[in-house]
Amino acid sequence: MAAVLLLTSAPAALPAAAQSNAQAEGDLRLRKLEAEVRALQRRVFPDGAGRTFEPEITAAPSGTAPAGAPSTSAVTDILARLDALESQLRQLTAGQEETANGLRLLRERVGVLEGAGTQPPVTATPAPTQSPAPAAATPARATTPAGPSAQRLAAVSAIERPSTGDAGADDYAYGFRLWEAKFYPEAIQQLTLFVERNPNHAQISFGRNLLGRAYLDDGKPREAAPWFLRNYQADKNGARAGDSLLFLAEAMTVLKDTSRACIALAEFAETYPALATGRLKAQYDAARGKVRCN
């Protein structure tokens, strides 16, 4: 009889044990999901109140089921709640991604607006009302500089251009005559022509040096200095290389660049001691007297 009871009760015990294990496992899964949902809700809605979602599926109200009708077990209720929580979790995740994307787009728009705001908006300024010009108004004069006078043109034309058969030498000689007559702009034009046409001429050192002097005598030390430096650097043994270095010091003195003037004077004394004590001694002493070098 006991064996019969044991056999008849065993089938009932096995489902009960399985149900208990499933319920425990479901409770654990449920608590874990509920914790994740609460954490995600706090992240998406940090201000809390009124921003949580109720489960879409709630447990059926407890009551006595009619005889013969299948009752909703605790495991079924847990599974339903789990499905609801997973649905809420998906919604919250999608909402968080949408919010993050919206914030990114907002930051981009703010960045564009701030970038555009670095320049003040251009506002149309109404043109000032002009009163009608008087009938006898004097026409505006042209701003272009006046050309050389007829008297100057005649004086320049009176300077004879040499013709020796050496075109380079003739160009330099004519430039020298213009400079000597103090027609400095014309001399600059002519000597520039000579330098450009005859870079290897025997008188090129004379030509570059005289071109710098024409600029310097015309009151343009800034334009003169590069020619003096170029003549010295191009050929330190050139016939007028030493002269150019000394004139470079003078140009720097006029420009109030004492440092470079002193460097040029020191270089001249070291490189051309014979000139410093000979042909150019007076000019060298005068140049040193205009600056105070350490």
C-alpha atoms as a PDB file:
ATOM      1  CA  MET A   1       0.000   0.000   0.000  1.00  0.00           C
ATOM      2  CA  ALA A   2       2.882   2.338   0.878  1.00  0.00           C
ATOM      3  CA  ALA A   3       4.536   1.535  -2.398  1.00  0.00           C
ATOM      4  CA  VAL A   4       1.368   2.407  -4.235  1.00  0.00           C
ATOM      5  CA  LEU A   5       1.160   5.756  -2.429  1.00  0.00           C
ATOM      6  CA  LEU A   6       4.777   6.497  -3.222  1.00  0.00           C
ATOM      7  CA  LEU A   7       4.264   5.743  -6.875  1.00  0.00           C
ATOM      8  CA  THR A   8       1.109   7.815  -7.089  1.00  0.00           C
ATOM      9  CA  SER A   9       2.640  10.832  -5.297  1.00  0.00           C
ATOM     10  CA  ALA A  10       5.940  10.806  -7.243  1.00  0.00           C
ATOM     11  CA  PRO A  11       4.495  12.242 -10.479  1.00  0.00           C
ATOM     12  CA  ALA A  12       3.061  15.150  -8.519  1.00  0.00           C
ATOM     13  CA  ALA A  13       6.324  15.840  -6.660  1.00  0.00           C
ATOM     14  CA  LEU A  14       8.444  16.041  -9.796  1.00  0.00           C
ATOM     15  CA  PRO A  15       6.452  18.896 -11.466  1.00  0.00           C
ATOM     16  CA  ALA A  16       6.358  20.734  -8.149  1.00  0.00           C
ATOM     17  CA  ALA A  17      10.153  20.619  -7.832  1.00  0.00           C
ATOM     18  CA  ALA A  18      10.607  21.725 -11.431  1.00  0.00           C
ATOM     19  CA  GLN A  19       8.139  24.539 -10.869  1.00  0.00           C
ATOM     20  CA  SER A  20       9.994  25.655  -7.750  1.00  0.00           C
ATOM     21  CA  ASN A  21      13.334  25.747  -9.592  1.00  0.00           C
ATOM     22  CA  ALA A  22      11.852  27.656 -12.534  1.00  0.00           C
ATOM     23  CA  GLN A  23      10.233  30.129 -10.183  1.00  0.00           C
ATOM     24  CA  ALA A  24      13.500  30.750  -8.335  1.00  0.00           C
ATOM     25  CA  GLU A  25      15.357  31.200 -11.629  1.00  0.00           C
ATOM     26  CA  GLY A  26      12.655  33.514 -12.933  1.00  0.00           C
ATOM     27  CA  ASP A  27      12.703  35.596  -9.730  1.00  0.00           C
ATOM     28  CA  LEU A  28      16.472  36.029 -10.083  1.00  0.00           C
ATOM     29  CA  ARG A  29      16.157  37.047 -13.730  1.00  0.00           C
ATOM     30  CA  LEU A  30      13.305  39.368 -12.853  1.00  0.00           C
ATOM     31  CA  ARG A  31      15.224  41.170 -10.092  1.00  0.00           C
ATOM     32  CA  LYS A  32      18.222  41.591 -12.383  1.00  0.00           C
ATOM     33  CA  LEU A  33      16.153  43.072 -15.221  1.00  0.00           C
ATOM     34  CA  GLU A  34      14.242  45.344 -12.853  1.00  0.00           C
ATOM     35  CA  ALA A  35      17.540  46.688 -11.517  1.00  0.00           C
ATOM     36  CA  GLU A  36      18.815  47.342 -15.057  1.00  0.00           C
ATOM     37  CA  VAL A  37      15.581  49.098 -16.005  1.00  0.00           C
ATOM     38  CA  ARG A  38      15.734  51.337 -12.914  1.00  0.00           C
ATOM     39  CA  ALA A  39      19.367  52.222 -13.637  1.00  0.00           C
ATOM     40  CA  LEU A  40      18.580  53.042 -17.260  1.00  0.00           C
ATOM     41  CA  GLN A  41      15.569  55.099 -16.225  1.00  0.00           C
ATOM     42  CA  ARG A  42      17.748  57.128 -13.854  1.00  0.00           C
ATOM     43  CA  ARG A  43      20.225  57.772 -16.713  1.00  0.00           C
ATOM     44  CA  VAL A  44      17.602  58.777 -19.271  1.00  0.00           C
ATOM     45  CA  PHE A  45      15.401  60.685 -16.807  1.00  0.00           C
ATOM     46  CA  PRO A  46      17.709  62.004 -14.095  1.00  0.00           C
ATOM     47  CA  ASP A  47      14.956  64.206 -12.622  1.00  0.00           C
ATOM     48  CA  GLY A  48      13.027  61.111 -11.645  1.00  0.00           C
ATOM     49  CA  ALA A  49       9.433  61.774 -10.821  1.00  0.00           C
ATOM     50  CA  GLY A  50       6.833  60.807 -13.317  1.00  0.00           C
ATOM     51  CA  ARG A  51       9.312  59.453 -15.823  1.00  0.00           C
ATOM     52  CA  THR A  52       9.191  55.691 -15.210  1.00  0.00           C
ATOM     53  CA  PHE A  53       7.256  53.151 -17.242  1.00  0.00           C
ATOM     54  CA  GLU A  54       4.842  50.722 -15.760  1.00  0.00           C
ATOM     55  CA  PRO A  55       4.978  47.180 -17.079  1.00  0.00           C
ATOM     56  CA  GLU A  56       2.877  46.709 -20.145  1.00  0.00           C
ATOM     57  CA  ILE A  57       1.715  43.316 -18.839  1.00  0.00           C
ATOM     58  CA  THR A  58       0.614  42.994 -15.228  1.00  0.00           C
ATOM     59  CA  ALA A  59      -0.187  39.940 -13.295  1.00  0.00           C
ATOM     60  CA  ALA A  60      -3.816  38.834 -13.358  1.00  0.00           C
ATOM     61  CA  PRO A  61      -5.723  39.586 -10.137  1.00  0.00           C
ATOM     62  CA  SER A  62      -5.566  36.746  -7.684  1.00  0.00           C
ATOM     63  CA  GLY A  63      -8.710  34.764  -7.171  1.00  0.00           C
ATOM     64  CA  THR A  64     -10.054  31.311  -7.087  1.00  0.00           C
ATOM     65  CA  ALA A  65     -10.183  29.880 -10.546  1.00  0.00           C
ATOM     66  CA  PRO A  66     -13.310  27.942 -11.427  1.00  0.00           C
ATOM     67  CA  ALA A  67     -13.035  24.210 -11.280  1.00  0.00           C
ATOM     68  CA  GLY A  68     -11.643  22.685 -14.430  1.00  0.00           C
ATOM     69  CA  ALA A  69     -10.155  26.005 -15.731  1.00  0.00           C
ATOM     70  CA  PRO A  70      -6.345  26.262 -15.985  1.00  0.00           C
ATOM     71  CA  SER A  71      -4.915  28.660 -13.333  1.00  0.00           C
ATOM     72  CA  THR A  72      -2.091  31.173 -14.010  1.00  0.00           C
ATOM     73  CA  SER A  73       0.942  29.817 -12.187  1.00  0.00           C
ATOM     74  CA  ALA A  74       3.634  31.925 -10.540  1.00  0.00           C
ATOM     75  CA  VAL A  75       6.107  30.922 -13.264  1.00  0.00           C
ATOM     76  CA  THR A  76       3.751  32.170 -16.015  1.00  0.00           C
ATOM     77  CA  ASP A  77       3.312  35.451 -14.131  1.00  0.00           C
ATOM     78  CA  ILE A  78       7.116  35.896 -13.836  1.00  0.00           C
ATOM     79  CA  LEU A  79       7.627  35.166 -17.529  1.00  0.00           C
ATOM     80  CA  ALA A  80       4.979  37.733 -18.453  1.00  0.00           C
ATOM     81  CA  ARG A  81       6.633  40.336 -16.239  1.00  0.00           C
ATOM     82  CA  LEU A  82      10.032  39.500 -17.729  1.00  0.00           C
ATOM     83  CA  ASP A  83       8.690  40.014 -21.247  1.00  0.00           C
ATOM     84  CA  ALA A  84       7.266  43.378 -20.192  1.00  0.00           C
ATOM     85  CA  LEU A  85      10.551  44.474 -18.599  1.00  0.00           C
ATOM     86  CA  GLU A  86      12.551  43.433 -21.661  1.00  0.00           C
ATOM     87  CA  SER A  87      10.194  45.470 -23.836  1.00  0.00           C
ATOM     88  CA  GLN A  88      10.660  48.486 -21.547  1.00  0.00           C
ATOM     89  CA  LEU A  89      14.434  47.990 -21.679  1.00  0.00           C
ATOM     90  CA  ARG A  90      14.379  48.065 -25.471  1.00  0.00           C
ATOM     91  CA  GLN A  91      12.269  51.236 -25.436  1.00  0.00           C
ATOM     92  CA  LEU A  92      14.565  52.965 -22.968  1.00  0.00           C
ATOM     93  CA  THR A  93      17.659  51.984 -24.934  1.00  0.00           C
ATOM     94  CA  ALA A  94      16.136  53.311 -28.158  1.00  0.00           C
ATOM     95  CA  GLY A  95      15.109  56.503 -26.365  1.00  0.00           C
ATOM     96  CA  GLN A  96      18.624  56.999 -25.014  1.00  0.00           C
ATOM     97  CA  GLU A  97      20.151  56.579 -28.471  1.00  0.00           C
ATOM     98  CA  GLU A  98      17.632  59.021 -29.940  1.00  0.00           C
ATOM     99  CA  THR A  99      18.391  61.558 -27.194  1.00  0.00           C
ATOM    100  CA  ALA A 100      22.160  61.212 -27.730  1.00  0.00           C
ATOM    101  CA  ASN A 101      21.738  61.686 -31.465  1.00  0.00           C
ATOM    102  CA  GLY A 102      19.599  64.760 -30.898  1.00  0.00           C
ATOM    103  CA  LEU A 103      22.207  66.245 -28.558  1.00  0.00           C
ATOM    104  CA  ARG A 104      24.939  65.611 -31.144  1.00  0.00           C
ATOM    105  CA  LEU A 105      22.951  67.381 -33.869  1.00  0.00           C
ATOM    106  CA  LEU A 106      22.230  70.260 -31.475  1.00  0.00           C
ATOM    107  CA  ARG A 107      25.933  70.651 -30.667  1.00  0.00           C
ATOM    108  CA  GLU A 108      26.769  70.698 -34.382  1.00  0.00           C
ATOM    109  CA  ARG A 109      24.208  73.417 -35.011  1.00  0.00           C
ATOM    110  CA  VAL A 110      25.500  75.463 -32.076  1.00  0.00           C
ATOM    111  CA  GLY A 111      29.046  75.076 -33.407  1.00  0.00           C
ATOM    112  CA  VAL A 112      27.990  76.293 -36.848  1.00  0.00           C
ATOM    113  CA  LEU A 113      26.129  79.246 -35.354  1.00  0.00           C
ATOM    114  CA  GLU A 114      29.085  80.185 -33.136  1.00  0.00           C
ATOM    115  CA  GLY A 115      31.440  79.941 -36.112  1.00  0.00           C
ATOM    116  CA  ALA A 116      29.198  82.165 -38.169  1.00  0.00           C
ATOM    117  CA  GLY A 117      28.949  84.575 -35.278  1.00  0.00           C
ATOM    118  CA  THR A 118      32.675  85.341 -35.262  1.00  0.00           C
ATOM    119  CA  GLN A 119      32.111  87.846 -38.026  1.00  0.00           C
ATOM    120  CA  PRO A 120      29.744  90.705 -37.403  1.00  0.00           C
ATOM    121  CA  PRO A 121      26.682  90.676 -39.586  1.00  0.00           C
ATOM    122  CA  VAL A 122      26.888  92.956 -42.544  1.00  0.00           C
ATOM    123  CA  THR A 123      24.239  95.575 -42.400  1.00  0.00           C
ATOM    124  CA  ALA A 124      23.330  97.599 -45.381  1.00  0.00           C
ATOM    125  CA  THR A 125      24.242 101.236 -44.850  1.00  0.00           C
ATOM    126  CA  PRO A 126      22.110 103.642 -46.772  1.00  0.00           C
ATOM    127  CA  ALA A 127      24.092 105.802 -49.128  1.00  0.00           C
ATOM    128  CA  PRO A 128      24.365 109.370 -47.894  1.00  0.00           C
ATOM    129  CA  THR A 129      22.246 111.841 -49.694  1.00  0.00           C
ATOM    130  CA  GLN A 130      24.375 114.072 -51.848  1.00  0.00           C
ATOM    131  CA  SER A 131      23.407 117.554 -52.694  1.00  0.00           C
ATOM    132  CA  PRO A 132      23.530 118.439 -56.372  1.00  0.00           C
ATOM    133  CA  ALA A 133      26.892 119.804 -57.446  1.00  0.00           C
ATOM    134  CA  PRO A 134      26.960 123.450 -58.402  1.00  0.00           C
ATOM    135  CA  ALA A 135      26.902 124.175 -62.094  1.00  0.00           C
ATOM    136  CA  ALA A 136      30.339 125.793 -62.061  1.00  0.00           C
ATOM    137  CA  ALA A 137      32.025 122.982 -60.107  1.00  0.00           C
ATOM    138  CA  THR A 138      35.715 122.443 -60.890  1.00  0.00           C
ATOM    139  CA  PRO A 139      36.473 118.972 -62.354  1.00  0.00           C
ATOM    140  CA  ALA A 140      38.479 116.682 -60.105  1.00  0.00           C
ATOM    141  CA  ARG A 141      42.149 116.546 -60.952  1.00  0.00           C
ATOM    142  CA  ALA A 142      43.794 113.270 -61.905  1.00  0.00           C
ATOM    143  CA  THR A 143      45.841 111.639 -59.139  1.00  0.00           C
ATOM    144  CA  THR A 144      48.506 110.373 -61.527  1.00  0.00           C
ATOM    145  CA  PRO A 145      51.855 112.041 -60.973  1.00  0.00           C
ATOM    146  CA  ALA A 146      52.833 114.673 -63.452  1.00  0.00           C
ATOM    147  CA  GLY A 147      55.536 113.725 -65.941  1.00  0.00           C
ATOM    148  CA  PRO A 148      58.868 115.488 -66.251  1.00  0.00           C
ATOM    149  CA  SER A 149      58.702 119.041 -67.354  1.00  0.00           C
ATOM    150  CA  ALA A 150      59.725 120.104 -70.830  1.00  0.00           C
ATOM    151  CA  GLN A 151      62.728 121.854 -69.334  1.00  0.00           C
ATOM    152  CA  ARG A 152      63.921 118.645 -67.621  1.00  0.00           C
ATOM    153  CA  LEU A 153      63.378 116.591 -70.754  1.00  0.00           C
ATOM    154  CA  ALA A 154      65.440 119.054 -72.691  1.00  0.00           C
ATOM    155  CA  ALA A 155      68.217 118.938 -70.094  1.00  0.00           C
ATOM    156  CA  VAL A 156      68.305 115.135 -70.093  1.00  0.00           C
ATOM    157  CA  SER A 157      68.312 115.079 -73.890  1.00  0.00           C
ATOM    158  CA  ALA A 158      71.304 117.383 -73.872  1.00  0.00           C
ATOM    159  CA  ILE A 159      73.406 114.709 -72.155  1.00  0.00           C
ATOM    160  CA  GLU A 160      75.268 112.909 -74.890  1.00  0.00           C
ATOM    161  CA  ARG A 161      74.964 109.143 -75.112  1.00  0.00           C
ATOM    162  CA  PRO A 162      78.376 107.636 -75.961  1.00  0.00           C
ATOM    163  CA  SER A 163      78.785 105.336 -78.919  1.00  0.00           C
ATOM    164  CA  THR A 164      82.071 103.421 -78.748  1.00  0.00           C
ATOM    165  CA  GLY A 165      80.948 100.134 -80.234  1.00  0.00           C
ATOM    166  CA  ASP A 166      80.766  98.473 -76.786  1.00  0.00           C
ATOM    167  CA  ALA A 167      77.043  98.577 -76.027  1.00  0.00           C
ATOM    168  CA  GLY A 168      77.552  97.579 -72.383  1.00  0.00           C
ATOM    169  CA  ALA A 169      80.207 100.193 -71.760  1.00  0.00           C
ATOM    170  CA  ASP A 170      78.068 102.824 -73.490  1.00  0.00           C
ATOM    171  CA  ASP A 171      75.053 101.962 -71.298  1.00  0.00           C
ATOM    172  CA  TYR A 172      77.126 102.318 -68.135  1.00  0.00           C
ATOM    173  CA  ALA A 173      78.805 105.529 -69.274  1.00  0.00           C
ATOM    174  CA  TYR A 174      75.447 107.113 -70.107  1.00  0.00           C
ATOM    175  CA  GLY A 175      74.077 106.108 -66.693  1.00  0.00           C
ATOM    176  CA  PHE A 176      77.145 107.609 -65.032  1.00  0.00           C
ATOM    177  CA  ARG A 177      76.642 110.893 -66.911  1.00  0.00           C
ATOM    178  CA  LEU A 178      73.000 111.050 -65.815  1.00  0.00           C
ATOM    179  CA  TRP A 179      73.980 110.418 -62.196  1.00  0.00           C
ATOM    180  CA  GLU A 180      76.763 112.981 -62.366  1.00  0.00           C
ATOM    181  CA  ALA A 181      74.247 115.542 -63.624  1.00  0.00           C
ATOM    182  CA  LYS A 182      72.006 114.645 -60.637  1.00  0.00           C
ATOM    183  CA  PHE A 183      69.241 113.235 -62.800  1.00  0.00           C
ATOM    184  CA  TYR A 184      68.863 110.382 -60.341  1.00  0.00           C
ATOM    185  CA  PRO A 185      65.574 108.791 -61.546  1.00  0.00           C
ATOM    186  CA  GLU A 186      66.867 108.725 -65.108  1.00  0.00           C
ATOM    187  CA  ALA A 187      70.227 107.381 -63.934  1.00  0.00           C
ATOM    188  CA  ILE A 188      68.457 104.611 -61.951  1.00  0.00           C
ATOM    189  CA  GLN A 189      66.507 103.613 -65.035  1.00  0.00           C
ATOM    190  CA  GLN A 190      69.594 103.569 -67.246  1.00  0.00           C
ATOM    191  CA  LEU A 191      71.859 101.734 -64.758  1.00  0.00           C
ATOM    192  CA  THR A 192      69.167  99.123 -64.070  1.00  0.00           C
ATOM    193  CA  LEU A 193      69.065  98.509 -67.803  1.00  0.00           C
ATOM    194  CA  PHE A 194      72.845  98.108 -67.868  1.00  0.00           C
ATOM    195  CA  VAL A 195      72.895  95.627 -64.946  1.00  0.00           C
ATOM    196  CA  GLU A 196      70.121  93.491 -66.394  1.00  0.00           C
ATOM    197  CA  ARG A 197      71.607  93.393 -69.885  1.00  0.00           C
ATOM    198  CA  ASN A 198      75.245  92.909 -68.907  1.00  0.00           C
ATOM    199  CA  PRO A 199      75.548  90.650 -65.824  1.00  0.00           C
ATOM    200  CA  ASN A 200      79.045  89.519 -66.876  1.00  0.00           C
ATOM    201  CA  HIS A 201      80.410  92.814 -68.146  1.00  0.00           C
ATOM    202  CA  ALA A 202      83.833  93.980 -66.988  1.00  0.00           C
ATOM    203  CA  GLN A 203      82.217  97.061 -65.418  1.00  0.00           C
ATOM    204  CA  ILE A 204      79.373  95.220 -63.653  1.00  0.00           C
ATOM    205  CA  SER A 205      80.852  95.953 -60.212  1.00  0.00           C
ATOM    206  CA  PHE A 206      80.900  99.674 -61.096  1.00  0.00           C
ATOM    207  CA  GLY A 207      77.343  99.472 -62.414  1.00  0.00           C
ATOM    208  CA  ARG A 208      75.763  97.803 -59.357  1.00  0.00           C
ATOM    209  CA  ASN A 209      77.604 100.115 -56.969  1.00  0.00           C
ATOM    210  CA  LEU A 210      76.584 103.230 -58.917  1.00  0.00           C
ATOM    211  CA  LEU A 211      72.968 102.040 -59.073  1.00  0.00           C
ATOM    212  CA  GLY A 212      72.944 101.816 -55.275  1.00  0.00           C
ATOM    213  CA  ARG A 213      74.498 105.271 -55.035  1.00  0.00           C
ATOM    214  CA  ALA A 214      71.850 106.722 -57.366  1.00  0.00           C
ATOM    215  CA  TYR A 215      69.109 105.385 -55.057  1.00  0.00           C
ATOM    216  CA  LEU A 216      70.964 106.659 -51.974  1.00  0.00           C
ATOM    217  CA  ASP A 217      71.508 110.128 -53.469  1.00  0.00           C
ATOM    218  CA  ASP A 218      67.834 110.194 -54.472  1.00  0.00           C
ATOM    219  CA  GLY A 219      66.862 109.781 -50.813  1.00  0.00           C
ATOM    220  CA  LYS A 220      65.960 106.080 -51.054  1.00  0.00           C
ATOM    221  CA  PRO A 221      68.352 104.229 -48.730  1.00  0.00           C
ATOM    222  CA  ARG A 222      66.021 101.238 -48.388  1.00  0.00           C
ATOM    223  CA  GLU A 223      66.144 100.618 -52.131  1.00  0.00           C
ATOM    224  CA  ALA A 224      69.875 101.332 -52.251  1.00  0.00           C
ATOM    225  CA  ALA A 225      70.935  98.839 -49.553  1.00  0.00           C
ATOM    226  CA  PRO A 226      70.092  95.628 -51.497  1.00  0.00           C
ATOM    227  CA  TRP A 227      72.226  96.751 -54.432  1.00  0.00           C
ATOM    228  CA  PHE A 228      75.229  97.494 -52.224  1.00  0.00           C
ATOM    229  CA  LEU A 229      74.897  94.139 -50.485  1.00  0.00           C
ATOM    230  CA  ARG A 230      74.412  92.300 -53.765  1.00  0.00           C
ATOM    231  CA  ASN A 231      77.501  93.898 -55.294  1.00  0.00           C
ATOM    232  CA  TYR A 232      79.637  92.948 -52.283  1.00  0.00           C
ATOM    233  CA  GLN A 233      78.367  89.375 -52.062  1.00  0.00           C
ATOM    234  CA  ALA A 234      78.483  88.706 -55.813  1.00  0.00           C
ATOM    235  CA  ASP A 235      82.230  89.357 -56.053  1.00  0.00           C
ATOM    236  CA  LYS A 236      84.175  90.456 -52.990  1.00  0.00           C
ATOM    237  CA  ASN A 237      87.171  91.072 -55.224  1.00  0.00           C
ATOM    238  CA  GLY A 238      85.181  93.279 -57.579  1.00  0.00           C
ATOM    239  CA  ALA A 239      86.467  96.750 -58.369  1.00  0.00           C
ATOM    240  CA  ARG A 240      83.778  98.449 -56.250  1.00  0.00           C
ATOM    241  CA  ALA A 241      82.908  95.695 -53.732  1.00  0.00           C
ATOM    242  CA  GLY A 242      84.652  97.533 -50.892  1.00  0.00           C
ATOM    243  CA  ASP A 243      82.928 100.784 -51.820  1.00  0.00           C
ATOM    244  CA  SER A 244      79.547  99.046 -51.753  1.00  0.00           C
ATOM    245  CA  LEU A 245      80.183  97.649 -48.266  1.00  0.00           C
ATOM    246  CA  LEU A 246      81.034 101.107 -46.979  1.00  0.00           C
ATOM    247  CA  PHE A 247      78.013 102.657 -48.688  1.00  0.00           C
ATOM    248  CA  LEU A 248      75.882  99.877 -47.167  1.00  0.00           C
ATOM    249  CA  ALA A 249      76.968 101.074 -43.730  1.00  0.00           C
ATOM    250  CA  GLU A 250      75.929 104.610 -44.682  1.00  0.00           C
ATOM    251  CA  ALA A 251      72.512 103.423 -45.896  1.00  0.00           C
ATOM    252  CA  MET A 252      71.960 101.545 -42.625  1.00  0.00           C
ATOM    253  CA  THR A 253      72.954 104.644 -40.679  1.00  0.00           C
ATOM    254  CA  VAL A 254      70.369 106.714 -42.550  1.00  0.00           C
ATOM    255  CA  LEU A 255      67.783 104.016 -41.767  1.00  0.00           C
ATOM    256  CA  LYS A 256      68.847 104.205 -38.086  1.00  0.00           C
ATOM    257  CA  ASP A 257      69.823 100.534 -38.129  1.00  0.00           C
ATOM    258  CA  THR A 258      72.948 100.948 -36.007  1.00  0.00           C
ATOM    259  CA  SER A 259      73.500  97.231 -35.537  1.00  0.00           C
ATOM    260  CA  ARG A 260      73.774  96.494 -39.262  1.00  0.00           C
ATOM    261  CA  ALA A 261      75.750  99.655 -39.882  1.00  0.00           C
ATOM    262  CA  CYS A 262      78.359  98.541 -37.329  1.00  0.00           C
ATOM    263  CA  ILE A 263      78.472  95.042 -38.812  1.00  0.00           C
ATOM    264  CA  ALA A 264      79.132  96.497 -42.280  1.00  0.00           C
ATOM    265  CA  LEU A 265      81.868  98.811 -40.942  1.00  0.00           C
ATOM    266  CA  ALA A 266      83.572  95.957 -39.089  1.00  0.00           C
ATOM    267  CA  GLU A 267      83.375  93.759 -42.185  1.00  0.00           C
ATOM    268  CA  PHE A 268      84.841  96.554 -44.299  1.00  0.00           C
ATOM    269  CA  ALA A 269      87.802  97.107 -41.945  1.00  0.00           C
ATOM    270  CA  GLU A 270      88.530  93.370 -41.773  1.00  0.00           C
ATOM    271  CA  THR A 271      88.122  92.580 -45.485  1.00  0.00           C
ATOM    272  CA  TYR A 272      89.591  95.745 -46.994  1.00  0.00           C
ATOM    273  CA  PRO A 273      92.261  97.103 -44.627  1.00  0.00           C
ATOM    274  CA  ALA A 274      94.117  98.710 -47.522  1.00  0.00           C
ATOM    275  CA  LEU A 275      91.047 100.706 -48.541  1.00  0.00           C
ATOM    276  CA  ALA A 276      90.324 101.630 -44.900  1.00  0.00           C
ATOM    277  CA  THR A 277      93.755 103.233 -44.624  1.00  0.00           C
ATOM    278  CA  GLY A 278      94.047 104.372 -48.227  1.00  0.00           C
ATOM    279  CA  ARG A 279      91.595 105.484 -50.913  1.00  0.00           C
ATOM    280  CA  LEU A 280      88.474 105.253 -48.737  1.00  0.00           C
ATOM    281  CA  LYS A 281      90.003 106.324 -45.408  1.00  0.00           C
ATOM    282  CA  ALA A 282      88.193 109.680 -45.226  1.00  0.00           C
ATOM    283  CA  GLN A 283      84.843 108.090 -46.090  1.00  0.00           C
ATOM    284  CA  TYR A 284      85.425 105.261 -43.600  1.00  0.00           C
ATOM    285  CA  ASP A 285      86.321 107.670 -40.777  1.00  0.00           C
ATOM    286  CA  ALA A 286      83.254 109.803 -41.539  1.00  0.00           C
ATOM    287  CA  ALA A 287      80.991 106.725 -41.503  1.00  0.00           C
ATOM    288  CA  ARG A 288      82.401 105.577 -38.154  1.00  0.00           C
ATOM    289  CA  GLY A 289      81.865 109.026 -36.703  1.00  0.00           C
ATOM    290  CA  LYS A 290      78.109 108.821 -37.401  1.00  0.00           C
ATOM    291  CA  VAL A 291      77.444 105.686 -35.327  1.00  0.00           C
ATOM    292  CA  ARG A 292      78.560 104.350 -31.968  1.00  0.00           C
ATOM    293  CA  CYS A 293      79.598 100.741 -32.242  1.00  0.00           C
ATOM    294  CA  ASN A 294      80.510  98.479 -29.320  1.00  0.00           C
END
